[in-house]
Amino acid sequence: MRSGALLLLLTACAPMPLTAPKAPGGAEVRVSLVDFEFQPKALKVAPGTTLVFVNQGQAPHTATDNQGRFDSGLLAPGAEFRRTFTEPGTYAIYCRIHPYMVFSLEVGE
């Protein structure tokens, strides 16, 4: 096999880094609450990004900041909650009804 073809093959087969997806500022990003978990479990976004928390499960849930900065209130199946994140920082979000449901958000450039 030629060295160029081997390099191309090795590059194509290299593992992808395991990092949270990143969204640009001003974007709207959906976060699903389904099967008693947030999907995705972690996300990085630029300031100005709006997250849309969507309950796609059968049980009610909340999207609650562990520092008390916001709370979606009860989200029945099919309900949505929108929040725009302008302040850089790390947000630990959980469901008040099911506290084992956790979501990590990093807001920054």
PDB file of N, CA and C in Angstrom:
ATOM      1  N   MET A   1       0.845  -1.168   0.000  1.00  0.00           N
ATOM      2  CA  MET A   1       0.000   0.000   0.000  1.00  0.00           C
ATOM      3  C   MET A   1       0.893   1.233   0.000  1.00  0.00           C
ATOM      4  N   ARG A   2       0.541   2.220  -0.773  1.00  0.00           N
ATOM      5  CA  ARG A   2       1.301   3.467  -0.817  1.00  0.00           C
ATOM      6  C   ARG A   2       1.240   4.177   0.529  1.00  0.00           C
ATOM      7  N   SER A   3       2.284   4.929   0.858  1.00  0.00           N
ATOM      8  CA  SER A   3       2.310   5.621   2.148  1.00  0.00           C
ATOM      9  C   SER A   3       1.214   6.683   2.235  1.00  0.00           C
ATOM     10  N   GLY A   4       0.904   7.363   1.131  1.00  0.00           N
ATOM     11  CA  GLY A   4      -0.161   8.374   1.129  1.00  0.00           C
ATOM     12  C   GLY A   4      -1.517   7.746   1.393  1.00  0.00           C
ATOM     13  N   ALA A   5      -1.791   6.597   0.771  1.00  0.00           N
ATOM     14  CA  ALA A   5      -3.062   5.905   0.974  1.00  0.00           C
ATOM     15  C   ALA A   5      -3.161   5.380   2.404  1.00  0.00           C
ATOM     16  N   LEU A   6      -2.036   4.893   2.938  1.00  0.00           N
ATOM     17  CA  LEU A   6      -2.031   4.401   4.322  1.00  0.00           C
ATOM     18  C   LEU A   6      -2.300   5.547   5.303  1.00  0.00           C
ATOM     19  N   LEU A   7      -1.685   6.695   5.055  1.00  0.00           N
ATOM     20  CA  LEU A   7      -1.915   7.857   5.916  1.00  0.00           C
ATOM     21  C   LEU A   7      -3.379   8.276   5.859  1.00  0.00           C
ATOM     22  N   LEU A   8      -3.976   8.295   4.692  1.00  0.00           N
ATOM     23  CA  LEU A   8      -5.384   8.643   4.530  1.00  0.00           C
ATOM     24  C   LEU A   8      -6.260   7.656   5.290  1.00  0.00           C
ATOM     25  N   LEU A   9      -5.953   6.365   5.190  1.00  0.00           N
ATOM     26  CA  LEU A   9      -6.716   5.337   5.875  1.00  0.00           C
ATOM     27  C   LEU A   9      -6.588   5.500   7.388  1.00  0.00           C
ATOM     28  N   LEU A  10      -5.387   5.736   7.892  1.00  0.00           N
ATOM     29  CA  LEU A  10      -5.182   5.907   9.327  1.00  0.00           C
ATOM     30  C   LEU A  10      -5.886   7.160   9.843  1.00  0.00           C
ATOM     31  N   THR A  11      -5.874   8.232   9.058  1.00  0.00           N
ATOM     32  CA  THR A  11      -6.544   9.461   9.452  1.00  0.00           C
ATOM     33  C   THR A  11      -8.049   9.250   9.500  1.00  0.00           C
ATOM     34  N   ALA A  12      -8.599   8.561   8.536  1.00  0.00           N
ATOM     35  CA  ALA A  12     -10.039   8.313   8.485  1.00  0.00           C
ATOM     36  C   ALA A  12     -10.491   7.413   9.632  1.00  0.00           C
ATOM     37  N   CYS A  13      -9.623   6.538  10.113  1.00  0.00           N
ATOM     38  CA  CYS A  13      -9.977   5.601  11.172  1.00  0.00           C
ATOM     39  C   CYS A  13      -9.635   6.122  12.569  1.00  0.00           C
ATOM     40  N   ALA A  14      -9.027   7.292  12.652  1.00  0.00           N
ATOM     41  CA  ALA A  14      -8.643   7.830  13.959  1.00  0.00           C
ATOM     42  C   ALA A  14      -9.895   8.112  14.780  1.00  0.00           C
ATOM     43  N   PRO A  15      -9.847   7.854  16.081  1.00  0.00           N
ATOM     44  CA  PRO A  15     -11.028   8.109  16.918  1.00  0.00           C
ATOM     45  C   PRO A  15     -11.323   9.600  17.027  1.00  0.00           C
ATOM     46  N   MET A  16     -12.606   9.932  17.106  1.00  0.00           N
ATOM     47  CA  MET A  16     -13.031  11.312  17.277  1.00  0.00           C
ATOM     48  C   MET A  16     -12.847  11.686  18.755  1.00  0.00           C
ATOM     49  N   PRO A  17     -12.498  12.927  19.038  1.00  0.00           N
ATOM     50  CA  PRO A  17     -12.359  13.337  20.436  1.00  0.00           C
ATOM     51  C   PRO A  17     -13.716  13.287  21.137  1.00  0.00           C
ATOM     52  N   LEU A  18     -13.701  12.947  22.424  1.00  0.00           N
ATOM     53  CA  LEU A  18     -14.923  12.837  23.200  1.00  0.00           C
ATOM     54  C   LEU A  18     -15.192  14.156  23.909  1.00  0.00           C
ATOM     55  N   THR A  19     -15.757  15.110  23.194  1.00  0.00           N
ATOM     56  CA  THR A  19     -16.086  16.402  23.777  1.00  0.00           C
ATOM     57  C   THR A  19     -17.556  16.684  23.551  1.00  0.00           C
ATOM     58  N   ALA A  20     -18.114  17.555  24.376  1.00  0.00           N
ATOM     59  CA  ALA A  20     -19.508  17.924  24.211  1.00  0.00           C
ATOM     60  C   ALA A  20     -19.657  18.759  22.949  1.00  0.00           C
ATOM     61  N   PRO A  21     -20.801  18.635  22.267  1.00  0.00           N
ATOM     62  CA  PRO A  21     -21.035  19.467  21.085  1.00  0.00           C
ATOM     63  C   PRO A  21     -21.029  20.946  21.463  1.00  0.00           C
ATOM     64  N   LYS A  22     -20.676  21.827  20.536  1.00  0.00           N
ATOM     65  CA  LYS A  22     -20.651  23.263  20.815  1.00  0.00           C
ATOM     66  C   LYS A  22     -21.561  23.981  19.825  1.00  0.00           C
ATOM     67  N   ALA A  23     -22.366  24.896  20.344  1.00  0.00           N
ATOM     68  CA  ALA A  23     -23.283  25.675  19.519  1.00  0.00           C
ATOM     69  C   ALA A  23     -22.841  27.128  19.511  1.00  0.00           C
ATOM     70  N   PRO A  24     -22.984  27.826  18.374  1.00  0.00           N
ATOM     71  CA  PRO A  24     -22.606  29.239  18.305  1.00  0.00           C
ATOM     72  C   PRO A  24     -23.635  30.119  19.001  1.00  0.00           C
ATOM     73  N   GLY A  25     -23.211  31.325  19.411  1.00  0.00           N
ATOM     74  CA  GLY A  25     -24.122  32.274  20.044  1.00  0.00           C
ATOM     75  C   GLY A  25     -25.260  32.643  19.107  1.00  0.00           C
ATOM     76  N   GLY A  26     -26.427  32.908  19.671  1.00  0.00           N
ATOM     77  CA  GLY A  26     -27.594  33.250  18.873  1.00  0.00           C
ATOM     78  C   GLY A  26     -28.335  32.038  18.337  1.00  0.00           C
ATOM     79  N   ALA A  27     -27.759  30.865  18.515  1.00  0.00           N
ATOM     80  CA  ALA A  27     -28.385  29.637  18.027  1.00  0.00           C
ATOM     81  C   ALA A  27     -29.485  29.204  18.996  1.00  0.00           C
ATOM     82  N   GLU A  28     -30.351  28.336  18.510  1.00  0.00           N
ATOM     83  CA  GLU A  28     -31.360  27.702  19.354  1.00  0.00           C
ATOM     84  C   GLU A  28     -31.047  26.205  19.337  1.00  0.00           C
ATOM     85  N   VAL A  29     -30.858  25.643  20.516  1.00  0.00           N
ATOM     86  CA  VAL A  29     -30.451  24.246  20.642  1.00  0.00           C
ATOM     87  C   VAL A  29     -31.485  23.499  21.461  1.00  0.00           C
ATOM     88  N   ARG A  30     -31.910  22.336  20.976  1.00  0.00           N
ATOM     89  CA  ARG A  30     -32.890  21.519  21.682  1.00  0.00           C
ATOM     90  C   ARG A  30     -32.193  20.527  22.606  1.00  0.00           C
ATOM     91  N   VAL A  31     -32.728  20.404  23.821  1.00  0.00           N
ATOM     92  CA  VAL A  31     -32.280  19.413  24.788  1.00  0.00           C
ATOM     93  C   VAL A  31     -33.503  18.588  25.142  1.00  0.00           C
ATOM     94  N   SER A  32     -33.436  17.284  24.908  1.00  0.00           N
ATOM     95  CA  SER A  32     -34.575  16.404  25.165  1.00  0.00           C
ATOM     96  C   SER A  32     -34.530  15.862  26.586  1.00  0.00           C
ATOM     97  N   LEU A  33     -35.690  15.745  27.195  1.00  0.00           N
ATOM     98  CA  LEU A  33     -35.857  15.062  28.467  1.00  0.00           C
ATOM     99  C   LEU A  33     -36.660  13.816  28.121  1.00  0.00           C
ATOM    100  N   VAL A  34     -35.988  12.677  28.081  1.00  0.00           N
ATOM    101  CA  VAL A  34     -36.636  11.451  27.630  1.00  0.00           C
ATOM    102  C   VAL A  34     -36.005  10.264  28.342  1.00  0.00           C
ATOM    103  N   ASP A  35     -36.836   9.287  28.657  1.00  0.00           N
ATOM    104  CA  ASP A  35     -36.348   8.071  29.326  1.00  0.00           C
ATOM    105  C   ASP A  35     -35.544   8.402  30.580  1.00  0.00           C
ATOM    106  N   PHE A  36     -35.983   9.421  31.319  1.00  0.00           N
ATOM    107  CA  PHE A  36     -35.377   9.821  32.591  1.00  0.00           C
ATOM    108  C   PHE A  36     -33.916  10.231  32.459  1.00  0.00           C
ATOM    109  N   GLU A  37     -33.618  10.938  31.349  1.00  0.00           N
ATOM    110  CA  GLU A  37     -32.300  11.533  31.171  1.00  0.00           C
ATOM    111  C   GLU A  37     -32.386  12.722  30.228  1.00  0.00           C
ATOM    112  N   PHE A  38     -31.412  13.611  30.349  1.00  0.00           N
ATOM    113  CA  PHE A  38     -31.263  14.709  29.409  1.00  0.00           C
ATOM    114  C   PHE A  38     -30.452  14.189  28.228  1.00  0.00           C
ATOM    115  N   GLN A  39     -30.830  14.589  27.024  1.00  0.00           N
ATOM    116  CA  GLN A  39     -30.070  14.200  25.829  1.00  0.00           C
ATOM    117  C   GLN A  39     -29.827  15.450  25.000  1.00  0.00           C
ATOM    118  N   PRO A  40     -28.584  15.894  24.816  1.00  0.00           N
ATOM    119  CA  PRO A  40     -27.365  15.270  25.318  1.00  0.00           C
ATOM    120  C   PRO A  40     -27.205  15.512  26.818  1.00  0.00           C
ATOM    121  N   LYS A  41     -26.218  14.867  27.408  1.00  0.00           N
ATOM    122  CA  LYS A  41     -25.962  15.000  28.845  1.00  0.00           C
ATOM    123  C   LYS A  41     -25.102  16.221  29.158  1.00  0.00           C
ATOM    124  N   ALA A  42     -24.393  16.723  28.150  1.00  0.00           N
ATOM    125  CA  ALA A  42     -23.524  17.889  28.316  1.00  0.00           C
ATOM    126  C   ALA A  42     -23.492  18.669  27.017  1.00  0.00           C
ATOM    127  N   LEU A  43     -23.276  19.977  27.152  1.00  0.00           N
ATOM    128  CA  LEU A  43     -23.274  20.840  25.978  1.00  0.00           C
ATOM    129  C   LEU A  43     -22.424  22.061  26.256  1.00  0.00           C
ATOM    130  N   LYS A  44     -21.736  22.556  25.233  1.00  0.00           N
ATOM    131  CA  LYS A  44     -20.992  23.812  25.301  1.00  0.00           C
ATOM    132  C   LYS A  44     -21.625  24.754  24.293  1.00  0.00           C
ATOM    133  N   VAL A  45     -21.917  25.980  24.738  1.00  0.00           N
ATOM    134  CA  VAL A  45     -22.537  26.961  23.852  1.00  0.00           C
ATOM    135  C   VAL A  45     -21.887  28.314  24.049  1.00  0.00           C
ATOM    136  N   ALA A  46     -22.035  29.167  23.055  1.00  0.00           N
ATOM    137  CA  ALA A  46     -21.569  30.546  23.146  1.00  0.00           C
ATOM    138  C   ALA A  46     -22.641  31.378  23.846  1.00  0.00           C
ATOM    139  N   PRO A  47     -22.243  32.466  24.504  1.00  0.00           N
ATOM    140  CA  PRO A  47     -23.244  33.342  25.110  1.00  0.00           C
ATOM    141  C   PRO A  47     -24.269  33.791  24.067  1.00  0.00           C
ATOM    142  N   GLY A  48     -25.524  33.902  24.494  1.00  0.00           N
ATOM    143  CA  GLY A  48     -26.599  34.286  23.589  1.00  0.00           C
ATOM    144  C   GLY A  48     -27.360  33.110  23.005  1.00  0.00           C
ATOM    145  N   THR A  49     -26.928  31.890  23.337  1.00  0.00           N
ATOM    146  CA  THR A  49     -27.600  30.693  22.838  1.00  0.00           C
ATOM    147  C   THR A  49     -28.857  30.428  23.654  1.00  0.00           C
ATOM    148  N   THR A  50     -29.932  30.057  22.967  1.00  0.00           N
ATOM    149  CA  THR A  50     -31.182  29.682  23.626  1.00  0.00           C
ATOM    150  C   THR A  50     -31.288  28.171  23.644  1.00  0.00           C
ATOM    151  N   LEU A  51     -31.493  27.612  24.834  1.00  0.00           N
ATOM    152  CA  LEU A  51     -31.754  26.177  24.943  1.00  0.00           C
ATOM    153  C   LEU A  51     -33.259  25.984  25.014  1.00  0.00           C
ATOM    154  N   VAL A  52     -33.739  24.988  24.292  1.00  0.00           N
ATOM    155  CA  VAL A  52     -35.147  24.616  24.324  1.00  0.00           C
ATOM    156  C   VAL A  52     -35.202  23.230  24.945  1.00  0.00           C
ATOM    157  N   PHE A  53     -35.659  23.158  26.180  1.00  0.00           N
ATOM    158  CA  PHE A  53     -35.804  21.885  26.882  1.00  0.00           C
ATOM    159  C   PHE A  53     -37.167  21.316  26.491  1.00  0.00           C
ATOM    160  N   VAL A  54     -37.167  20.116  25.917  1.00  0.00           N
ATOM    161  CA  VAL A  54     -38.395  19.502  25.409  1.00  0.00           C
ATOM    162  C   VAL A  54     -38.616  18.170  26.116  1.00  0.00           C
ATOM    163  N   ASN A  55     -39.755  18.035  26.776  1.00  0.00           N
ATOM    164  CA  ASN A  55     -40.083  16.767  27.432  1.00  0.00           C
ATOM    165  C   ASN A  55     -40.649  15.811  26.386  1.00  0.00           C
ATOM    166  N   GLN A  56     -39.837  14.855  25.984  1.00  0.00           N
ATOM    167  CA  GLN A  56     -40.248  13.872  24.994  1.00  0.00           C
ATOM    168  C   GLN A  56     -40.542  12.518  25.630  1.00  0.00           C
ATOM    169  N   GLY A  57     -40.616  12.496  26.952  1.00  0.00           N
ATOM    170  CA  GLY A  57     -40.887  11.254  27.669  1.00  0.00           C
ATOM    171  C   GLY A  57     -42.350  11.151  28.053  1.00  0.00           C
ATOM    172  N   GLN A  58     -42.649  10.158  28.877  1.00  0.00           N
ATOM    173  CA  GLN A  58     -44.015   9.907  29.331  1.00  0.00           C
ATOM    174  C   GLN A  58     -44.291  10.516  30.702  1.00  0.00           C
ATOM    175  N   ALA A  59     -43.231  10.886  31.437  1.00  0.00           N
ATOM    176  CA  ALA A  59     -43.371  11.417  32.803  1.00  0.00           C
ATOM    177  C   ALA A  59     -43.110  12.921  32.799  1.00  0.00           C
ATOM    178  N   PRO A  60     -43.655  13.648  33.778  1.00  0.00           N
ATOM    179  CA  PRO A  60     -43.336  15.078  33.891  1.00  0.00           C
ATOM    180  C   PRO A  60     -41.902  15.251  34.392  1.00  0.00           C
ATOM    181  N   HIS A  61     -41.285  16.368  33.998  1.00  0.00           N
ATOM    182  CA  HIS A  61     -39.915  16.673  34.386  1.00  0.00           C
ATOM    183  C   HIS A  61     -39.778  18.166  34.617  1.00  0.00           C
ATOM    184  N   THR A  62     -38.619  18.586  35.132  1.00  0.00           N
ATOM    185  CA  THR A  62     -38.248  19.997  35.203  1.00  0.00           C
ATOM    186  C   THR A  62     -36.830  20.152  34.671  1.00  0.00           C
ATOM    187  N   ALA A  63     -36.485  21.379  34.316  1.00  0.00           N
ATOM    188  CA  ALA A  63     -35.108  21.755  34.015  1.00  0.00           C
ATOM    189  C   ALA A  63     -34.775  22.838  35.032  1.00  0.00           C
ATOM    190  N   THR A  64     -34.002  22.478  36.048  1.00  0.00           N
ATOM    191  CA  THR A  64     -33.771  23.336  37.201  1.00  0.00           C
ATOM    192  C   THR A  64     -32.276  23.549  37.412  1.00  0.00           C
ATOM    193  N   ASP A  65     -31.874  24.810  37.564  1.00  0.00           N
ATOM    194  CA  ASP A  65     -30.479  25.140  37.852  1.00  0.00           C
ATOM    195  C   ASP A  65     -30.197  24.868  39.327  1.00  0.00           C
ATOM    196  N   ASN A  66     -29.096  24.192  39.621  1.00  0.00           N
ATOM    197  CA  ASN A  66     -28.818  23.842  41.022  1.00  0.00           C
ATOM    198  C   ASN A  66     -28.427  25.043  41.874  1.00  0.00           C
ATOM    199  N   GLN A  67     -28.196  26.210  41.254  1.00  0.00           N
ATOM    200  CA  GLN A  67     -27.895  27.425  42.016  1.00  0.00           C
ATOM    201  C   GLN A  67     -29.112  28.350  42.112  1.00  0.00           C
ATOM    202  N   GLY A  68     -30.269  27.880  41.656  1.00  0.00           N
ATOM    203  CA  GLY A  68     -31.502  28.641  41.783  1.00  0.00           C
ATOM    204  C   GLY A  68     -31.677  29.782  40.806  1.00  0.00           C
ATOM    205  N   ARG A  69     -30.894  29.821  39.724  1.00  0.00           N
ATOM    206  CA  ARG A  69     -31.011  30.914  38.753  1.00  0.00           C
ATOM    207  C   ARG A  69     -32.237  30.792  37.868  1.00  0.00           C
ATOM    208  N   PHE A  70     -32.736  29.574  37.669  1.00  0.00           N
ATOM    209  CA  PHE A  70     -33.953  29.375  36.877  1.00  0.00           C
ATOM    210  C   PHE A  70     -34.549  28.017  37.183  1.00  0.00           C
ATOM    211  N   ASP A  71     -35.825  27.896  36.868  1.00  0.00           N
ATOM    212  CA  ASP A  71     -36.547  26.631  37.000  1.00  0.00           C
ATOM    213  C   ASP A  71     -37.669  26.653  35.967  1.00  0.00           C
ATOM    214  N   SER A  72     -37.790  25.591  35.228  1.00  0.00           N
ATOM    215  CA  SER A  72     -38.793  25.525  34.164  1.00  0.00           C
ATOM    216  C   SER A  72     -40.209  25.376  34.692  1.00  0.00           C
ATOM    217  N   GLY A  73     -40.335  24.971  35.948  1.00  0.00           N
ATOM    218  CA  GLY A  73     -41.649  24.546  36.410  1.00  0.00           C
ATOM    219  C   GLY A  73     -41.913  23.162  35.835  1.00  0.00           C
ATOM    220  N   LEU A  74     -43.052  22.612  36.147  1.00  0.00           N
ATOM    221  CA  LEU A  74     -43.394  21.265  35.689  1.00  0.00           C
ATOM    222  C   LEU A  74     -43.592  21.245  34.179  1.00  0.00           C
ATOM    223  N   LEU A  75     -42.858  20.367  33.503  1.00  0.00           N
ATOM    224  CA  LEU A  75     -43.000  20.183  32.056  1.00  0.00           C
ATOM    225  C   LEU A  75     -43.730  18.871  31.813  1.00  0.00           C
ATOM    226  N   ALA A  76     -44.986  18.952  31.419  1.00  0.00           N
ATOM    227  CA  ALA A  76     -45.753  17.754  31.080  1.00  0.00           C
ATOM    228  C   ALA A  76     -45.199  17.164  29.786  1.00  0.00           C
ATOM    229  N   PRO A  77     -45.483  15.902  29.489  1.00  0.00           N
ATOM    230  CA  PRO A  77     -45.036  15.331  28.221  1.00  0.00           C
ATOM    231  C   PRO A  77     -45.451  16.224  27.039  1.00  0.00           C
ATOM    232  N   GLY A  78     -44.482  16.521  26.190  1.00  0.00           N
ATOM    233  CA  GLY A  78     -44.712  17.366  25.021  1.00  0.00           C
ATOM    234  C   GLY A  78     -44.451  18.845  25.263  1.00  0.00           C
ATOM    235  N   ALA A  79     -44.304  19.260  26.518  1.00  0.00           N
ATOM    236  CA  ALA A  79     -44.096  20.678  26.836  1.00  0.00           C
ATOM    237  C   ALA A  79     -42.650  21.097  26.598  1.00  0.00           C
ATOM    238  N   GLU A  80     -42.454  22.410  26.393  1.00  0.00           N
ATOM    239  CA  GLU A  80     -41.131  22.988  26.151  1.00  0.00           C
ATOM    240  C   GLU A  80     -40.876  24.137  27.112  1.00  0.00           C
ATOM    241  N   PHE A  81     -39.582  24.386  27.368  1.00  0.00           N
ATOM    242  CA  PHE A  81     -39.145  25.527  28.169  1.00  0.00           C
ATOM    243  C   PHE A  81     -37.928  26.120  27.477  1.00  0.00           C
ATOM    244  N   ARG A  82     -37.950  27.450  27.242  1.00  0.00           N
ATOM    245  CA  ARG A  82     -36.843  28.129  26.571  1.00  0.00           C
ATOM    246  C   ARG A  82     -36.118  29.031  27.569  1.00  0.00           C
ATOM    247  N   ARG A  83     -34.768  29.035  27.444  1.00  0.00           N
ATOM    248  CA  ARG A  83     -33.958  29.932  28.270  1.00  0.00           C
ATOM    249  C   ARG A  83     -32.742  30.335  27.465  1.00  0.00           C
ATOM    250  N   THR A  84     -32.506  31.649  27.381  1.00  0.00           N
ATOM    251  CA  THR A  84     -31.319  32.169  26.699  1.00  0.00           C
ATOM    252  C   THR A  84     -30.231  32.390  27.735  1.00  0.00           C
ATOM    253  N   PHE A  85     -29.052  31.853  27.444  1.00  0.00           N
ATOM    254  CA  PHE A  85     -27.906  31.923  28.367  1.00  0.00           C
ATOM    255  C   PHE A  85     -26.941  32.990  27.866  1.00  0.00           C
ATOM    256  N   THR A  86     -26.866  34.097  28.604  1.00  0.00           N
ATOM    257  CA  THR A  86     -25.992  35.206  28.219  1.00  0.00           C
ATOM    258  C   THR A  86     -24.752  35.298  29.094  1.00  0.00           C
ATOM    259  N   GLU A  87     -24.834  34.778  30.324  1.00  0.00           N
ATOM    260  CA  GLU A  87     -23.723  34.849  31.272  1.00  0.00           C
ATOM    261  C   GLU A  87     -22.797  33.641  31.115  1.00  0.00           C
ATOM    262  N   PRO A  88     -21.504  33.879  30.845  1.00  0.00           N
ATOM    263  CA  PRO A  88     -20.565  32.759  30.771  1.00  0.00           C
ATOM    264  C   PRO A  88     -20.491  32.035  32.119  1.00  0.00           C
ATOM    265  N   GLY A  89     -20.232  30.757  32.058  1.00  0.00           N
ATOM    266  CA  GLY A  89     -20.084  29.963  33.270  1.00  0.00           C
ATOM    267  C   GLY A  89     -20.549  28.542  33.055  1.00  0.00           C
ATOM    268  N   THR A  90     -20.519  27.786  34.132  1.00  0.00           N
ATOM    269  CA  THR A  90     -20.940  26.392  34.099  1.00  0.00           C
ATOM    270  C   THR A  90     -22.259  26.279  34.853  1.00  0.00           C
ATOM    271  N   TYR A  91     -23.201  25.600  34.260  1.00  0.00           N
ATOM    272  CA  TYR A  91     -24.524  25.415  34.836  1.00  0.00           C
ATOM    273  C   TYR A  91     -24.757  23.925  35.051  1.00  0.00           C
ATOM    274  N   ALA A  92     -25.100  23.555  36.268  1.00  0.00           N
ATOM    275  CA  ALA A  92     -25.476  22.174  36.591  1.00  0.00           C
ATOM    276  C   ALA A  92     -26.998  22.164  36.672  1.00  0.00           C
ATOM    277  N   ILE A  93     -27.620  21.436  35.773  1.00  0.00           N
ATOM    278  CA  ILE A  93     -29.077  21.427  35.643  1.00  0.00           C
ATOM    279  C   ILE A  93     -29.579  20.024  35.964  1.00  0.00           C
ATOM    280  N   TYR A  94     -30.708  19.956  36.647  1.00  0.00           N
ATOM    281  CA  TYR A  94     -31.265  18.659  37.023  1.00  0.00           C
ATOM    282  C   TYR A  94     -32.784  18.721  36.983  1.00  0.00           C
ATOM    283  N   CYS A  95     -33.415  17.585  37.157  1.00  0.00           N
ATOM    284  CA  CYS A  95     -34.873  17.489  37.249  1.00  0.00           C
ATOM    285  C   CYS A  95     -35.231  17.404  38.733  1.00  0.00           C
ATOM    286  N   ARG A  96     -36.072  18.330  39.219  1.00  0.00           N
ATOM    287  CA  ARG A  96     -36.457  18.310  40.635  1.00  0.00           C
ATOM    288  C   ARG A  96     -37.229  17.048  41.009  1.00  0.00           C
ATOM    289  N   ILE A  97     -37.978  16.495  40.061  1.00  0.00           N
ATOM    290  CA  ILE A  97     -38.769  15.292  40.317  1.00  0.00           C
ATOM    291  C   ILE A  97     -37.885  14.051  40.332  1.00  0.00           C
ATOM    292  N   HIS A  98     -36.897  14.038  39.458  1.00  0.00           N
ATOM    293  CA  HIS A  98     -35.975  12.904  39.306  1.00  0.00           C
ATOM    294  C   HIS A  98     -34.548  13.453  39.414  1.00  0.00           C
ATOM    295  N   PRO A  99     -34.036  13.707  40.622  1.00  0.00           N
ATOM    296  CA  PRO A  99     -32.749  14.400  40.788  1.00  0.00           C
ATOM    297  C   PRO A  99     -31.540  13.672  40.215  1.00  0.00           C
ATOM    298  N   TYR A 100     -31.689  12.414  39.868  1.00  0.00           N
ATOM    299  CA  TYR A 100     -30.594  11.693  39.211  1.00  0.00           C
ATOM    300  C   TYR A 100     -30.467  12.094  37.742  1.00  0.00           C
ATOM    301  N   MET A 101     -31.459  12.786  37.208  1.00  0.00           N
ATOM    302  CA  MET A 101     -31.386  13.311  35.838  1.00  0.00           C
ATOM    303  C   MET A 101     -30.561  14.589  35.884  1.00  0.00           C
ATOM    304  N   VAL A 102     -29.368  14.580  35.287  1.00  0.00           N
ATOM    305  CA  VAL A 102     -28.490  15.745  35.344  1.00  0.00           C
ATOM    306  C   VAL A 102     -28.011  16.128  33.948  1.00  0.00           C
ATOM    307  N   PHE A 103     -27.716  17.424  33.794  1.00  0.00           N
ATOM    308  CA  PHE A 103     -27.275  17.987  32.525  1.00  0.00           C
ATOM    309  C   PHE A 103     -26.232  19.047  32.843  1.00  0.00           C
ATOM    310  N   SER A 104     -25.119  19.052  32.127  1.00  0.00           N
ATOM    311  CA  SER A 104     -24.054  20.015  32.340  1.00  0.00           C
ATOM    312  C   SER A 104     -23.967  20.962  31.135  1.00  0.00           C
ATOM    313  N   LEU A 105     -24.007  22.262  31.429  1.00  0.00           N
ATOM    314  CA  LEU A 105     -23.945  23.269  30.380  1.00  0.00           C
ATOM    315  C   LEU A 105     -22.766  24.187  30.652  1.00  0.00           C
ATOM    316  N   GLU A 106     -21.954  24.407  29.639  1.00  0.00           N
ATOM    317  CA  GLU A 106     -20.853  25.365  29.726  1.00  0.00           C
ATOM    318  C   GLU A 106     -21.121  26.481  28.717  1.00  0.00           C
ATOM    319  N   VAL A 107     -21.198  27.708  29.209  1.00  0.00           N
ATOM    320  CA  VAL A 107     -21.431  28.877  28.364  1.00  0.00           C
ATOM    321  C   VAL A 107     -20.145  29.661  28.304  1.00  0.00           C
ATOM    322  N   GLY A 108     -19.608  29.855  27.119  1.00  0.00           N
ATOM    323  CA  GLY A 108     -18.355  30.579  26.946  1.00  0.00           C
ATOM    324  C   GLY A 108     -17.941  30.592  25.486  1.00  0.00           C
ATOM    325  N   GLU A 109     -16.931  31.377  25.214  1.00  0.00           N
ATOM    326  CA  GLU A 109     -16.420  31.476  23.825  1.00  0.00           C
ATOM    327  C   GLU A 109     -15.614  30.266  23.453  1.00  0.00           C
TER     328      GLU A 109
END
